[in-house]
PDB file of N, CA and C in Angstrom:
ATOM      1  N   UNK A   1      18.492  -1.290   3.218  1.00  0.00           N
ATOM      2  CA  UNK A   1      18.799  -2.662   3.567  1.00  0.00           C
ATOM      3  C   UNK A   1      17.519  -3.332   4.052  1.00  0.00           C
ATOM      4  N   UNK A   2      17.315  -4.537   3.608  1.00  0.00           N
ATOM      5  CA  UNK A   2      16.123  -5.287   3.984  1.00  0.00           C
ATOM      6  C   UNK A   2      16.523  -6.464   4.865  1.00  0.00           C
ATOM      7  N   UNK A   3      15.742  -6.689   5.902  1.00  0.00           N
ATOM      8  CA  UNK A   3      15.922  -7.871   6.737  1.00  0.00           C
ATOM      9  C   UNK A   3      14.972  -8.928   6.216  1.00  0.00           C
ATOM     10  N   UNK A   4      15.521 -10.044   5.777  1.00  0.00           N
ATOM     11  CA  UNK A   4      14.751 -11.122   5.171  1.00  0.00           C
ATOM     12  C   UNK A   4      14.630 -12.263   6.172  1.00  0.00           C
ATOM     13  N   UNK A   5      13.434 -12.803   6.297  1.00  0.00           N
ATOM     14  CA  UNK A   5      13.153 -13.937   7.180  1.00  0.00           C
ATOM     15  C   UNK A   5      12.888 -15.149   6.300  1.00  0.00           C
ATOM     16  N   UNK A   6      13.579 -16.243   6.580  1.00  0.00           N
ATOM     17  CA  UNK A   6      13.400 -17.472   5.813  1.00  0.00           C
ATOM     18  C   UNK A   6      12.096 -18.160   6.224  1.00  0.00           C
ATOM     19  N   UNK A   7      11.489 -18.936   5.322  1.00  0.00           N
ATOM     20  CA  UNK A   7      10.265 -19.654   5.691  1.00  0.00           C
ATOM     21  C   UNK A   7      10.544 -20.710   6.764  1.00  0.00           C
ATOM     22  N   UNK A   8       9.501 -21.198   7.417  1.00  0.00           N
ATOM     23  CA  UNK A   8       9.641 -22.191   8.478  1.00  0.00           C
ATOM     24  C   UNK A   8      10.379 -23.420   7.983  1.00  0.00           C
ATOM     25  N   UNK A   9      11.327 -23.882   8.782  1.00  0.00           N
ATOM     26  CA  UNK A   9      12.079 -25.085   8.463  1.00  0.00           C
ATOM     27  C   UNK A   9      13.274 -24.853   7.555  1.00  0.00           C
ATOM     28  N   UNK A  10      13.417 -23.679   7.016  1.00  0.00           N
ATOM     29  CA  UNK A  10      14.498 -23.368   6.091  1.00  0.00           C
ATOM     30  C   UNK A  10      15.659 -22.748   6.866  1.00  0.00           C
ATOM     31  N   UNK A  11      16.879 -23.235   6.608  1.00  0.00           N
ATOM     32  CA  UNK A  11      18.042 -22.680   7.287  1.00  0.00           C
ATOM     33  C   UNK A  11      19.030 -22.046   6.322  1.00  0.00           C
ATOM     34  N   UNK A  12      18.693 -21.970   5.049  1.00  0.00           N
ATOM     35  CA  UNK A  12      19.562 -21.334   4.077  1.00  0.00           C
ATOM     36  C   UNK A  12      18.919 -21.314   2.702  1.00  0.00           C
ATOM     37  N   UNK A  13      19.227 -20.274   1.922  1.00  0.00           N
ATOM     38  CA  UNK A  13      18.669 -20.131   0.575  1.00  0.00           C
ATOM     39  C   UNK A  13      19.795 -19.707  -0.354  1.00  0.00           C
ATOM     40  N   UNK A  14      19.858 -20.311  -1.531  1.00  0.00           N
ATOM     41  CA  UNK A  14      20.819 -19.936  -2.558  1.00  0.00           C
ATOM     42  C   UNK A  14      20.142 -19.045  -3.587  1.00  0.00           C
ATOM     43  N   UNK A  15      20.849 -17.997  -4.009  1.00  0.00           N
ATOM     44  CA  UNK A  15      20.359 -17.094  -5.045  1.00  0.00           C
ATOM     45  C   UNK A  15      21.359 -17.107  -6.184  1.00  0.00           C
ATOM     46  N   UNK A  16      20.886 -17.361  -7.402  1.00  0.00           N
ATOM     47  CA  UNK A  16      21.781 -17.371  -8.561  1.00  0.00           C
ATOM     48  C   UNK A  16      22.175 -15.949  -8.931  1.00  0.00           C
ATOM     49  N   UNK A  17      23.451 -15.767  -9.195  1.00  0.00           N
ATOM     50  CA  UNK A  17      23.961 -14.472  -9.618  1.00  0.00           C
ATOM     51  C   UNK A  17      24.688 -14.629 -10.944  1.00  0.00           C
ATOM     52  N   UNK A  18      25.189 -13.531 -11.486  1.00  0.00           N
ATOM     53  CA  UNK A  18      25.928 -13.584 -12.745  1.00  0.00           C
ATOM     54  C   UNK A  18      27.235 -14.366 -12.599  1.00  0.00           C
ATOM     55  N   UNK A  19      27.794 -14.382 -11.420  1.00  0.00           N
ATOM     56  CA  UNK A  19      29.073 -15.035 -11.176  1.00  0.00           C
ATOM     57  C   UNK A  19      28.938 -16.389 -10.490  1.00  0.00           C
ATOM     58  N   UNK A  20      27.766 -16.925 -10.364  1.00  0.00           N
ATOM     59  CA  UNK A  20      27.563 -18.205  -9.690  1.00  0.00           C
ATOM     60  C   UNK A  20      26.347 -18.161  -8.797  1.00  0.00           C
ATOM     61  N   UNK A  21      26.595 -18.208  -7.486  1.00  0.00           N
ATOM     62  CA  UNK A  21      25.477 -18.143  -6.549  1.00  0.00           C
ATOM     63  C   UNK A  21      25.917 -17.470  -5.261  1.00  0.00           C
ATOM     64  N   UNK A  22      24.956 -16.917  -4.561  1.00  0.00           N
ATOM     65  CA  UNK A  22      25.154 -16.346  -3.232  1.00  0.00           C
ATOM     66  C   UNK A  22      24.315 -17.158  -2.272  1.00  0.00           C
ATOM     67  N   UNK A  23      24.908 -17.568  -1.173  1.00  0.00           N
ATOM     68  CA  UNK A  23      24.207 -18.368  -0.181  1.00  0.00           C
ATOM     69  C   UNK A  23      23.889 -17.515   1.034  1.00  0.00           C
ATOM     70  N   UNK A  24      22.635 -17.543   1.431  1.00  0.00           N
ATOM     71  CA  UNK A  24      22.189 -16.874   2.653  1.00  0.00           C
ATOM     72  C   UNK A  24      21.879 -17.972   3.662  1.00  0.00           C
ATOM     73  N   UNK A  25      22.660 -18.014   4.737  1.00  0.00           N
ATOM     74  CA  UNK A  25      22.484 -19.038   5.769  1.00  0.00           C
ATOM     75  C   UNK A  25      21.800 -18.454   6.992  1.00  0.00           C
ATOM     76  N   UNK A  26      21.033 -19.296   7.664  1.00  0.00           N
ATOM     77  CA  UNK A  26      20.362 -18.884   8.877  1.00  0.00           C
ATOM     78  C   UNK A  26      18.886 -18.639   8.644  1.00  0.00           C
ATOM     79  N   UNK A  27      18.199 -18.171   9.672  1.00  0.00           N
ATOM     80  CA  UNK A  27      16.759 -17.890   9.594  1.00  0.00           C
ATOM     81  C   UNK A  27      16.494 -16.447   9.206  1.00  0.00           C
ATOM     82  N   UNK A  28      17.442 -15.540   9.522  1.00  0.00           N
ATOM     83  CA  UNK A  28      17.291 -14.128   9.181  1.00  0.00           C
ATOM     84  C   UNK A  28      18.594 -13.639   8.586  1.00  0.00           C
ATOM     85  N   UNK A  29      18.491 -12.813   7.572  1.00  0.00           N
ATOM     86  CA  UNK A  29      19.685 -12.232   6.971  1.00  0.00           C
ATOM     87  C   UNK A  29      19.346 -10.881   6.366  1.00  0.00           C
ATOM     88  N   UNK A  30      20.371 -10.058   6.214  1.00  0.00           N
ATOM     89  CA  UNK A  30      20.209  -8.719   5.666  1.00  0.00           C
ATOM     90  C   UNK A  30      20.823  -8.662   4.278  1.00  0.00           C
ATOM     91  N   UNK A  31      20.160  -7.977   3.379  1.00  0.00           N
ATOM     92  CA  UNK A  31      20.690  -7.745   2.045  1.00  0.00           C
ATOM     93  C   UNK A  31      20.231  -6.391   1.549  1.00  0.00           C
ATOM     94  N   UNK A  32      21.081  -5.740   0.768  1.00  0.00           N
ATOM     95  CA  UNK A  32      20.697  -4.461   0.184  1.00  0.00           C
ATOM     96  C   UNK A  32      20.602  -4.560  -1.336  1.00  0.00           C
ATOM     97  N   UNK A  33      20.631  -5.772  -1.876  1.00  0.00           N
ATOM     98  CA  UNK A  33      20.484  -5.998  -3.304  1.00  0.00           C
ATOM     99  C   UNK A  33      19.000  -6.260  -3.596  1.00  0.00           C
ATOM    100  N   UNK A  34      18.369  -5.340  -4.333  1.00  0.00           N
ATOM    101  CA  UNK A  34      16.925  -5.451  -4.610  1.00  0.00           C
ATOM    102  C   UNK A  34      16.607  -6.703  -5.425  1.00  0.00           C
ATOM    103  N   UNK A  35      17.483  -7.095  -6.304  1.00  0.00           N
ATOM    104  CA  UNK A  35      17.261  -8.311  -7.105  1.00  0.00           C
ATOM    105  C   UNK A  35      17.253  -9.545  -6.213  1.00  0.00           C
ATOM    106  N   UNK A  36      18.163  -9.604  -5.266  1.00  0.00           N
ATOM    107  CA  UNK A  36      18.203 -10.735  -4.334  1.00  0.00           C
ATOM    108  C   UNK A  36      16.941 -10.779  -3.479  1.00  0.00           C
ATOM    109  N   UNK A  37      16.458  -9.613  -3.060  1.00  0.00           N
ATOM    110  CA  UNK A  37      15.228  -9.558  -2.251  1.00  0.00           C
ATOM    111  C   UNK A  37      14.070 -10.143  -3.048  1.00  0.00           C
ATOM    112  N   UNK A  38      13.936  -9.760  -4.321  1.00  0.00           N
ATOM    113  CA  UNK A  38      12.858 -10.300  -5.171  1.00  0.00           C
ATOM    114  C   UNK A  38      12.983 -11.819  -5.321  1.00  0.00           C
ATOM    115  N   UNK A  39      14.198 -12.307  -5.535  1.00  0.00           N
ATOM    116  CA  UNK A  39      14.401 -13.752  -5.716  1.00  0.00           C
ATOM    117  C   UNK A  39      14.137 -14.520  -4.422  1.00  0.00           C
ATOM    118  N   UNK A  40      14.539 -13.958  -3.299  1.00  0.00           N
ATOM    119  CA  UNK A  40      14.296 -14.613  -2.014  1.00  0.00           C
ATOM    120  C   UNK A  40      12.806 -14.665  -1.707  1.00  0.00           C
ATOM    121  N   UNK A  41      12.088 -13.587  -2.014  1.00  0.00           N
ATOM    122  CA  UNK A  41      10.642 -13.574  -1.794  1.00  0.00           C
ATOM    123  C   UNK A  41       9.946 -14.578  -2.697  1.00  0.00           C
ATOM    124  N   UNK A  42      10.467 -14.786  -3.892  1.00  0.00           N
ATOM    125  CA  UNK A  42       9.892 -15.770  -4.804  1.00  0.00           C
ATOM    126  C   UNK A  42      10.085 -17.193  -4.273  1.00  0.00           C
ATOM    127  N   UNK A  43      11.091 -17.402  -3.436  1.00  0.00           N
ATOM    128  CA  UNK A  43      11.354 -18.722  -2.867  1.00  0.00           C
ATOM    129  C   UNK A  43      10.657 -18.921  -1.518  1.00  0.00           C
ATOM    130  N   UNK A  44       9.850 -17.954  -1.093  1.00  0.00           N
ATOM    131  CA  UNK A  44       9.072 -18.132   0.127  1.00  0.00           C
ATOM    132  C   UNK A  44       9.510 -17.286   1.303  1.00  0.00           C
ATOM    133  N   UNK A  45      10.614 -16.571   1.179  1.00  0.00           N
ATOM    134  CA  UNK A  45      11.061 -15.711   2.274  1.00  0.00           C
ATOM    135  C   UNK A  45      10.208 -14.448   2.293  1.00  0.00           C
ATOM    136  N   UNK A  46      10.268 -13.698   3.397  1.00  0.00           N
ATOM    137  CA  UNK A  46       9.500 -12.467   3.491  1.00  0.00           C
ATOM    138  C   UNK A  46      10.318 -11.410   4.219  1.00  0.00           C
ATOM    139  N   UNK A  47       9.954 -10.162   4.014  1.00  0.00           N
ATOM    140  CA  UNK A  47      10.655  -9.041   4.631  1.00  0.00           C
ATOM    141  C   UNK A  47      10.174  -8.882   6.067  1.00  0.00           C
ATOM    142  N   UNK A  48      11.117  -8.766   6.989  1.00  0.00           N
ATOM    143  CA  UNK A  48      10.786  -8.615   8.394  1.00  0.00           C
ATOM    144  C   UNK A  48      10.270  -7.225   8.709  1.00  0.00           C
ATOM    145  N   UNK A  49       9.596  -7.101   9.811  1.00  0.00           N
ATOM    146  CA  UNK A  49       9.029  -5.828  10.238  1.00  0.00           C
ATOM    147  C   UNK A  49      10.136  -4.878  10.668  1.00  0.00           C
ATOM    148  N   UNK A  50      10.017  -3.626  10.268  1.00  0.00           N
ATOM    149  CA  UNK A  50      10.999  -2.636  10.683  1.00  0.00           C
ATOM    150  C   UNK A  50      10.657  -2.038  12.036  1.00  0.00           C
ATOM    151  N   UNK A  51       9.454  -2.293  12.519  1.00  0.00           N
ATOM    152  CA  UNK A  51       9.035  -1.731  13.797  1.00  0.00           C
ATOM    153  C   UNK A  51       9.703  -2.379  14.984  1.00  0.00           C
ATOM    154  N   UNK A  52       9.935  -3.653  14.933  1.00  0.00           N
ATOM    155  CA  UNK A  52      10.562  -4.344  16.037  1.00  0.00           C
ATOM    156  C   UNK A  52       9.607  -4.591  17.200  1.00  0.00           C
ATOM    157  N   UNK A  53      10.151  -5.072  18.283  1.00  0.00           N
ATOM    158  CA  UNK A  53       9.369  -5.384  19.483  1.00  0.00           C
ATOM    159  C   UNK A  53       9.890  -4.520  20.617  1.00  0.00           C
ATOM    160  N   UNK A  54       9.026  -3.788  21.294  1.00  0.00           N
ATOM    161  CA  UNK A  54       9.504  -2.966  22.405  1.00  0.00           C
ATOM    162  C   UNK A  54      10.027  -3.830  23.546  1.00  0.00           C
ATOM    163  N   UNK A  55      11.152  -3.421  24.109  1.00  0.00           N
ATOM    164  CA  UNK A  55      11.761  -4.191  25.190  1.00  0.00           C
ATOM    165  C   UNK A  55      11.637  -3.492  26.542  1.00  0.00           C
ATOM    166  N   UNK A  56      11.080  -2.293  26.562  1.00  0.00           N
ATOM    167  CA  UNK A  56      10.909  -1.563  27.818  1.00  0.00           C
ATOM    168  C   UNK A  56       9.722  -2.131  28.590  1.00  0.00           C
ATOM    169  N   UNK A  57       9.836  -2.157  29.891  1.00  0.00           N
ATOM    170  CA  UNK A  57       8.764  -2.697  30.724  1.00  0.00           C
ATOM    171  C   UNK A  57       7.564  -1.757  30.777  1.00  0.00           C
ATOM    172  N   UNK A  58       7.808  -0.478  30.892  1.00  0.00           N
ATOM    173  CA  UNK A  58       6.728   0.487  30.938  1.00  0.00           C
ATOM    174  C   UNK A  58       6.240   0.756  32.350  1.00  0.00           C
ATOM    175  N   UNK A  59       5.221   1.600  32.464  1.00  0.00           N
ATOM    176  CA  UNK A  59       4.653   2.010  33.742  1.00  0.00           C
ATOM    177  C   UNK A  59       3.215   1.516  33.817  1.00  0.00           C
ATOM    178  N   UNK A  60       2.886   0.809  34.877  1.00  0.00           N
ATOM    179  CA  UNK A  60       1.553   0.244  35.036  1.00  0.00           C
ATOM    180  C   UNK A  60       0.684   1.208  35.830  1.00  0.00           C
ATOM    181  N   UNK A  61      -0.517   1.448  35.341  1.00  0.00           N
ATOM    182  CA  UNK A  61      -1.463   2.349  36.006  1.00  0.00           C
ATOM    183  C   UNK A  61      -2.401   1.520  36.878  1.00  0.00           C
ATOM    184  N   UNK A  62      -2.447   1.827  38.150  1.00  0.00           N
ATOM    185  CA  UNK A  62      -3.314   1.106  39.072  1.00  0.00           C
ATOM    186  C   UNK A  62      -4.780   1.452  38.926  1.00  0.00           C
ATOM    187  N   UNK A  63      -5.088   2.622  38.380  1.00  0.00           N
ATOM    188  CA  UNK A  63      -6.482   3.038  38.227  1.00  0.00           C
ATOM    189  C   UNK A  63      -7.171   2.343  37.057  1.00  0.00           C
ATOM    190  N   UNK A  64      -6.530   2.326  35.902  1.00  0.00           N
ATOM    191  CA  UNK A  64      -7.201   1.768  34.718  1.00  0.00           C
ATOM    192  C   UNK A  64      -6.536   0.481  34.214  1.00  0.00           C
ATOM    193  N   UNK A  65      -5.528  -0.020  34.924  1.00  0.00           N
ATOM    194  CA  UNK A  65      -4.826  -1.279  34.588  1.00  0.00           C
ATOM    195  C   UNK A  65      -4.248  -1.260  33.177  1.00  0.00           C
ATOM    196  N   UNK A  66      -3.675  -0.133  32.823  1.00  0.00           N
ATOM    197  CA  UNK A  66      -3.081   0.003  31.504  1.00  0.00           C
ATOM    198  C   UNK A  66      -1.586   0.187  31.668  1.00  0.00           C
ATOM    199  N   UNK A  67      -0.776  -0.362  30.760  1.00  0.00           N
ATOM    200  CA  UNK A  67       0.663  -0.171  30.779  1.00  0.00           C
ATOM    201  C   UNK A  67       1.031   0.858  29.726  1.00  0.00           C
ATOM    202  N   UNK A  68       1.913   1.794  30.091  1.00  0.00           N
ATOM    203  CA  UNK A  68       2.308   2.862  29.192  1.00  0.00           C
ATOM    204  C   UNK A  68       3.826   2.998  29.192  1.00  0.00           C
ATOM    205  N   UNK A  69       4.384   3.565  28.139  1.00  0.00           N
ATOM    206  CA  UNK A  69       5.820   3.835  28.096  1.00  0.00           C
ATOM    207  C   UNK A  69       6.155   5.162  28.771  1.00  0.00           C
ATOM    208  N   UNK A  70       5.141   5.907  29.190  1.00  0.00           N
ATOM    209  CA  UNK A  70       5.340   7.206  29.814  1.00  0.00           C
ATOM    210  C   UNK A  70       4.876   7.158  31.273  1.00  0.00           C
ATOM    211  N   UNK A  71       5.439   8.041  32.104  1.00  0.00           N
ATOM    212  CA  UNK A  71       5.107   8.081  33.529  1.00  0.00           C
ATOM    213  C   UNK A  71       3.636   8.432  33.727  1.00  0.00           C
ATOM    214  N   UNK A  72       3.116   9.363  32.919  1.00  0.00           N
ATOM    215  CA  UNK A  72       1.712   9.764  33.028  1.00  0.00           C
ATOM    216  C   UNK A  72       0.876   8.875  32.105  1.00  0.00           C
ATOM    217  N   UNK A  73      -0.170   8.275  32.663  1.00  0.00           N
ATOM    218  CA  UNK A  73      -1.056   7.392  31.904  1.00  0.00           C
ATOM    219  C   UNK A  73      -1.772   8.187  30.815  1.00  0.00           C
ATOM    220  N   UNK A  74      -1.784   7.663  29.598  1.00  0.00           N
ATOM    221  CA  UNK A  74      -2.429   8.340  28.492  1.00  0.00           C
ATOM    222  C   UNK A  74      -3.939   8.208  28.504  1.00  0.00           C
ATOM    223  N   UNK A  75      -4.468   7.261  29.284  1.00  0.00           N
ATOM    224  CA  UNK A  75      -5.913   7.045  29.322  1.00  0.00           C
ATOM    225  C   UNK A  75      -6.588   7.869  30.413  1.00  0.00           C
ATOM    226  N   UNK A  76      -6.067   7.771  31.653  1.00  0.00           N
ATOM    227  CA  UNK A  76      -6.730   8.459  32.769  1.00  0.00           C
ATOM    228  C   UNK A  76      -5.933   9.636  33.312  1.00  0.00           C
ATOM    229  N   UNK A  77      -4.651   9.772  32.944  1.00  0.00           N
ATOM    230  CA  UNK A  77      -3.844  10.908  33.379  1.00  0.00           C
ATOM    231  C   UNK A  77      -3.139  10.730  34.704  1.00  0.00           C
ATOM    232  N   UNK A  78      -3.243   9.570  35.334  1.00  0.00           N
ATOM    233  CA  UNK A  78      -2.611   9.333  36.635  1.00  0.00           C
ATOM    234  C   UNK A  78      -1.084   9.293  36.478  1.00  0.00           C
ATOM    235  N   UNK A  79      -0.365   9.794  37.473  1.00  0.00           N
ATOM    236  CA  UNK A  79       1.101   9.761  37.517  1.00  0.00           C
ATOM    237  C   UNK A  79       1.535   8.425  38.127  1.00  0.00           C
ATOM    238  N   UNK A  80       2.319   7.634  37.389  1.00  0.00           N
ATOM    239  CA  UNK A  80       2.759   6.314  37.836  1.00  0.00           C
ATOM    240  C   UNK A  80       4.286   6.314  37.932  1.00  0.00           C
ATOM    241  N   UNK A  81       4.833   6.564  39.135  1.00  0.00           N
ATOM    242  CA  UNK A  81       6.272   6.769  39.252  1.00  0.00           C
ATOM    243  C   UNK A  81       7.125   5.498  39.125  1.00  0.00           C
ATOM    244  N   UNK A  82       6.564   4.339  39.416  1.00  0.00           N
ATOM    245  CA  UNK A  82       7.385   3.125  39.419  1.00  0.00           C
ATOM    246  C   UNK A  82       7.217   2.339  38.121  1.00  0.00           C
ATOM    247  N   UNK A  83       8.340   1.893  37.598  1.00  0.00           N
ATOM    248  CA  UNK A  83       8.352   1.087  36.385  1.00  0.00           C
ATOM    249  C   UNK A  83       8.037  -0.365  36.733  1.00  0.00           C
ATOM    250  N   UNK A  84       7.292  -1.060  35.865  1.00  0.00           N
ATOM    251  CA  UNK A  84       6.942  -2.460  36.131  1.00  0.00           C
ATOM    252  C   UNK A  84       8.074  -3.381  35.787  1.00  0.00           C
TER     253      UNK A  84
END
């Protein structure tokens, strides 16, 4: 399944099918039809990142001022027990 992002200012895209058309409304939509993905990309849409955005606050290291997702700092090795 691909997450498709519409171009700026676009709130819906129509894709022609054998039986008429399929309408994708909104700024983001999911589709698992490879033909639709190709047609949407041809109209200016693009595939969204599968990595996403981390939502965890992490642990801040007072020694090297680095934020990590782990209690032990990966740069200097300091133990940082409190989450930011």
